[in-house]
């Protein structure tokens, strides 16, 4: 039976590359992002290269009503979502008290509330069919506190905890959950995050394509979590060994302001 995969934040970066991974499986796709032109371009490419059905929805997940609108629109189309890829997300670089509060609340809405809402809307159907799954895009940031990117790191900690809890709740139901936890990745994330405080990161970055392949492989392998890259896996290990104070200071230096 052919599956249908919904990917949020599919217009660029990891989301775009994940869409390509599922397209190579011959999955039907529903691509969601704000940039309709970019979605249409990607959809045309995937239809041409893989002969699959691709739908696009232009939507801003920073608006609280949007997850329900997406669900209702797809229900009206008769679309059935088998796999939900919660990829959409962003962060801001700077001290919490100095960044616009409204924009930081949008981080919570996109990275956390929209992810929970979409999961809550589409998961019952998966359980009824006893199949499908959820691929959340978290971050290695979810394992550590993030001075100078406090809300973003905290949002990814939520995604990590939420994903692991769902793994246990859904055990034996036929529905899987995987949390993809990349480190620094080549995408437009840094451009958005550092729009208030500019600093070029010196850390080596993985390509979005490599991160997506790792996440797709982990999801197909029914793994709870994927941390792509040996350096990122070492970092996660160190978070379990080092004192929290040392971790906080190290991350503050990494996210230093100019």
Protein backbone atom coordinates (compact mmCIF):
# COMPACT_ATOMS: atom_id res chain seq x y z
CA UNK A 1 0.00 0.00 0.00
CA UNK A 2 1.45 3.36 -1.04
CA UNK A 3 2.06 5.76 1.86
CA UNK A 4 1.49 9.50 2.00
CA UNK A 5 4.10 11.62 3.80
CA UNK A 6 3.51 15.16 5.06
CA UNK A 7 6.68 17.25 5.47
CA UNK A 8 6.64 20.66 7.18
CA UNK A 9 9.32 23.21 6.42
CA UNK A 10 9.85 21.46 3.09
CA UNK A 11 10.97 24.46 1.03
CA UNK A 12 14.66 24.30 2.00
CA UNK A 13 17.33 22.62 4.08
CA UNK A 14 16.69 19.37 5.93
CA UNK A 15 12.97 19.41 5.13
CA UNK A 16 13.61 19.63 1.39
CA UNK A 17 16.13 16.81 1.56
CA UNK A 18 13.80 14.62 3.63
CA UNK A 19 11.13 15.15 0.99
CA UNK A 20 13.61 13.86 -1.60
CA UNK A 21 14.36 10.79 0.54
CA UNK A 22 10.71 9.83 0.82
CA UNK A 23 10.15 10.61 -2.85
CA UNK A 24 12.85 8.07 -3.69
CA UNK A 25 10.71 5.52 -1.81
CA UNK A 26 7.86 6.36 -4.22
CA UNK A 27 5.83 7.83 -1.36
CA UNK A 28 3.16 10.40 -2.18
CA UNK A 29 4.05 13.75 -0.64
CA UNK A 30 2.34 16.72 0.95
CA UNK A 31 4.78 19.62 1.24
CA UNK A 32 4.10 22.44 3.71
CA UNK A 33 5.96 25.74 4.08
CA UNK A 34 5.42 29.48 3.73
CA UNK A 35 7.30 29.82 0.42
CA UNK A 36 4.79 28.63 -2.18
CA UNK A 37 7.10 29.26 -5.13
CA UNK A 38 9.84 27.10 -3.61
CA UNK A 39 7.32 24.35 -2.83
CA UNK A 40 5.99 24.36 -6.39
CA UNK A 41 9.50 24.14 -7.80
CA UNK A 42 10.35 21.18 -5.55
CA UNK A 43 7.03 19.48 -6.28
CA UNK A 44 7.57 19.73 -10.03
CA UNK A 45 11.07 18.27 -9.65
CA UNK A 46 9.88 15.33 -7.55
CA UNK A 47 6.95 14.57 -9.85
CA UNK A 48 9.28 14.58 -12.84
CA UNK A 49 12.04 12.48 -11.28
CA UNK A 50 9.96 9.95 -9.33
CA UNK A 51 6.53 9.92 -11.00
CA UNK A 52 4.76 10.44 -7.67
CA UNK A 53 1.82 12.53 -6.50
CA UNK A 54 2.89 15.72 -4.73
CA UNK A 55 0.57 18.26 -3.11
CA UNK A 56 1.66 21.62 -1.71
CA UNK A 57 0.19 23.78 1.03
CA UNK A 58 1.44 27.29 1.73
CA UNK A 59 1.06 27.86 5.48
CA UNK A 60 2.71 29.74 8.33
CA UNK A 61 2.95 27.50 11.39
CA UNK A 62 3.63 30.53 13.57
CA UNK A 63 -0.13 31.08 13.46
CA UNK A 64 -1.90 28.92 16.08
CA UNK A 65 -4.89 28.08 13.86
CA UNK A 66 -2.80 26.71 10.97
CA UNK A 67 -2.35 23.06 12.06
CA UNK A 68 -6.12 22.59 12.27
CA UNK A 69 -6.53 24.33 8.90
CA UNK A 70 -4.01 21.97 7.30
CA UNK A 71 -5.76 18.95 8.80
CA UNK A 72 -9.20 20.14 7.66
CA UNK A 73 -7.97 20.98 4.18
CA UNK A 74 -6.42 17.55 3.71
CA UNK A 75 -9.49 15.84 5.11
CA UNK A 76 -11.55 17.76 2.58
CA UNK A 77 -9.25 16.52 -0.19
CA UNK A 78 -9.65 12.95 1.03
CA UNK A 79 -5.94 12.76 1.81
CA UNK A 80 -4.70 10.26 4.41
CA UNK A 81 -1.38 11.07 6.12
CA UNK A 82 0.61 7.94 6.98
CA UNK A 83 3.88 9.63 7.96
CA UNK A 84 4.18 13.04 9.60
CA UNK A 85 7.57 14.75 9.35
CA UNK A 86 7.68 17.64 11.84
CA UNK A 87 10.65 19.53 10.45
CA UNK A 88 9.60 23.20 10.54
CA UNK A 89 11.49 25.24 13.11
CA UNK A 90 13.74 28.23 13.72
CA UNK A 91 15.75 29.94 16.41
CA UNK A 92 17.12 33.36 17.34
CA UNK A 93 20.61 34.27 18.52
CA UNK A 94 20.96 36.77 21.35
CA UNK A 95 20.24 37.30 25.02
CA UNK A 96 16.68 36.40 25.97
CA UNK A 97 15.91 39.81 27.51
CA UNK A 98 17.23 41.65 24.46
CA UNK A 99 15.36 39.74 21.75
CA UNK A 100 11.78 40.59 20.69
CA UNK A 101 9.46 38.63 22.96
CA UNK A 102 6.83 38.20 20.25
CA UNK A 103 9.37 36.60 17.95
CA UNK A 104 10.54 34.24 20.69
CA UNK A 105 6.96 33.19 21.34
CA UNK A 106 6.76 32.36 17.64
CA UNK A 107 9.68 29.94 18.17
CA UNK A 108 7.57 28.15 20.76
CA UNK A 109 4.58 28.15 18.43
CA UNK A 110 6.47 26.71 15.44
CA UNK A 111 8.99 24.42 17.14
CA UNK A 112 6.72 23.11 19.87
CA UNK A 113 3.01 23.95 19.71
CA UNK A 114 2.57 23.30 15.99
CA UNK A 115 4.50 20.04 16.29
CA UNK A 116 2.24 18.88 19.12
CA UNK A 117 -0.90 20.03 17.32
CA UNK A 118 -0.07 18.26 14.06
CA UNK A 119 0.89 15.12 15.96
CA UNK A 120 -2.34 15.22 17.91
CA UNK A 121 -4.40 15.70 14.75
CA UNK A 122 -2.82 13.00 12.58
CA UNK A 123 -1.82 10.38 15.16
CA UNK A 124 -5.37 9.03 15.84
CA UNK A 125 -5.71 8.04 12.18
CA UNK A 126 -2.40 6.22 12.27
CA UNK A 127 -3.47 4.34 15.39
CA UNK A 128 -6.76 3.40 13.78
CA UNK A 129 -4.89 2.01 10.76
CA UNK A 130 -2.20 0.47 13.02
CA UNK A 131 0.58 1.82 10.86
CA UNK A 132 2.63 4.83 9.89
CA UNK A 133 4.72 7.04 12.07
CA UNK A 134 6.19 10.38 13.06
CA UNK A 135 9.65 11.75 12.30
CA UNK A 136 10.45 14.78 14.44
CA UNK A 137 13.44 16.97 13.66
CA UNK A 138 14.99 17.90 16.97
CA UNK A 139 18.62 18.88 17.55
CA UNK A 140 21.65 18.09 19.66
CA UNK A 141 20.64 21.40 21.26
CA UNK A 142 17.88 19.42 22.95
CA UNK A 143 20.42 17.78 25.26
CA UNK A 144 21.94 20.99 26.64
CA UNK A 145 20.99 24.45 27.94
CA UNK A 146 21.58 27.18 25.37
CA UNK A 147 22.76 30.54 26.66
CA UNK A 148 22.24 33.18 23.94
CA UNK A 149 19.73 30.91 22.17
CA UNK A 150 17.75 29.98 25.26
CA UNK A 151 14.27 29.50 23.79
CA UNK A 152 15.46 27.52 20.77
CA UNK A 153 17.48 25.05 22.87
CA UNK A 154 14.58 24.69 25.33
CA UNK A 155 12.16 24.00 22.47
CA UNK A 156 14.36 21.18 21.21
CA UNK A 157 14.59 19.72 24.73
CA UNK A 158 10.80 19.50 24.64
CA UNK A 159 10.89 17.73 21.27
CA UNK A 160 13.39 15.21 22.64
CA UNK A 161 11.33 14.44 25.74
CA UNK A 162 8.02 14.37 23.85
CA UNK A 163 9.38 12.04 21.20
CA UNK A 164 10.83 9.56 23.68
CA UNK A 165 7.59 9.52 25.68
CA UNK A 166 5.56 8.78 22.54
CA UNK A 167 7.89 5.90 21.66
CA UNK A 168 6.82 4.12 24.83
CA UNK A 169 3.15 5.09 24.62
CA UNK A 170 2.93 3.76 21.05
CA UNK A 171 4.87 0.54 21.60
CA UNK A 172 2.97 -2.35 20.02
CA UNK A 173 0.55 -0.11 18.08
CA UNK A 174 2.32 -0.31 14.72
CA UNK A 175 3.07 3.42 14.82
CA UNK A 176 6.70 4.46 15.18
CA UNK A 177 8.37 7.68 16.36
CA UNK A 178 11.90 8.83 15.53
CA UNK A 179 13.64 12.00 16.68
CA UNK A 180 16.37 13.25 14.34
CA UNK A 181 18.95 15.28 16.27
CA UNK A 182 21.39 17.02 13.93
CA UNK A 183 24.19 19.33 14.94
CA UNK A 184 25.39 22.30 12.83
CA UNK A 185 23.96 21.82 9.34
CA UNK A 186 24.37 23.69 6.07
CA UNK A 187 21.02 25.46 5.66
CA UNK A 188 19.45 28.90 6.04
CA UNK A 189 18.94 28.25 9.79
CA UNK A 190 21.96 30.32 10.87
CA UNK A 191 20.91 33.22 8.66
CA UNK A 192 17.53 33.38 10.39
CA UNK A 193 18.84 32.65 13.88
CA UNK A 194 21.52 35.31 13.70
CA UNK A 195 19.43 38.07 12.18
CA UNK A 196 19.74 40.00 15.46
CA UNK A 197 23.31 39.07 16.39
CA UNK A 198 25.69 38.22 13.55
CA UNK A 199 28.59 35.82 13.99
CA UNK A 200 29.99 33.29 11.57
CA UNK A 201 30.09 29.82 13.09
CA UNK A 202 33.45 28.12 12.76
CA UNK A 203 32.18 24.62 13.48
CA UNK A 204 32.19 22.13 10.63
CA UNK A 205 28.71 21.56 9.30
CA UNK A 206 27.07 18.46 7.86
CA UNK A 207 25.18 18.83 4.62
CA UNK A 208 21.40 18.90 4.86
CA UNK A 209 21.33 15.93 2.48
CA UNK A 210 23.52 13.79 4.76
CA UNK A 211 21.41 14.70 7.79
CA UNK A 212 18.22 13.84 5.94
CA UNK A 213 19.56 10.48 4.77
CA UNK A 214 20.49 9.61 8.36
CA UNK A 215 17.06 10.62 9.65
CA UNK A 216 15.22 8.76 6.90
CA UNK A 217 17.30 5.64 7.52
CA UNK A 218 16.62 5.82 11.27
CA UNK A 219 12.89 6.20 10.69
CA UNK A 220 12.79 3.24 8.29
CA UNK A 221 14.83 1.26 10.79
CA UNK A 222 12.32 2.06 13.55
CA UNK A 223 14.94 3.75 15.72
CA UNK A 224 13.88 6.05 18.54
CA UNK A 225 16.63 8.59 17.86
CA UNK A 226 19.26 9.50 15.29
CA UNK A 227 22.27 11.73 15.99
CA UNK A 228 24.12 12.03 12.67
CA UNK A 229 27.88 12.56 12.71
CA UNK A 230 30.53 11.24 15.07
CA UNK A 231 31.26 14.69 16.55
CA UNK A 232 27.60 15.17 17.40
CA UNK A 233 27.40 11.74 19.02
CA UNK A 234 30.47 12.56 21.12
CA UNK A 235 28.84 15.83 22.16
CA UNK A 236 25.71 14.02 23.32
CA UNK A 237 27.87 11.58 25.28
CA UNK A 238 29.74 14.44 26.94
CA UNK A 239 26.48 15.97 28.13
CA UNK A 240 26.06 12.88 30.32
CA UNK A 241 29.58 13.06 31.73
CA UNK A 242 30.42 16.74 32.24
CA UNK A 243 29.09 18.98 35.05
CA UNK A 244 26.12 21.09 33.95
CA UNK A 245 27.96 24.29 34.87
CA UNK A 246 30.79 23.40 32.48
CA UNK A 247 28.28 22.64 29.73
CA UNK A 248 26.49 25.97 30.22
CA UNK A 249 29.74 27.91 30.02
CA UNK A 250 30.89 25.98 26.97
CA UNK A 251 27.65 26.61 25.09
CA UNK A 252 27.73 30.29 26.07
CA UNK A 253 31.18 30.57 24.49
CA UNK A 254 30.01 28.72 21.39
CA UNK A 255 26.99 31.04 21.07
CA UNK A 256 29.02 34.10 22.03
CA UNK A 257 27.73 37.50 20.98
CA UNK A 258 29.86 39.88 18.94
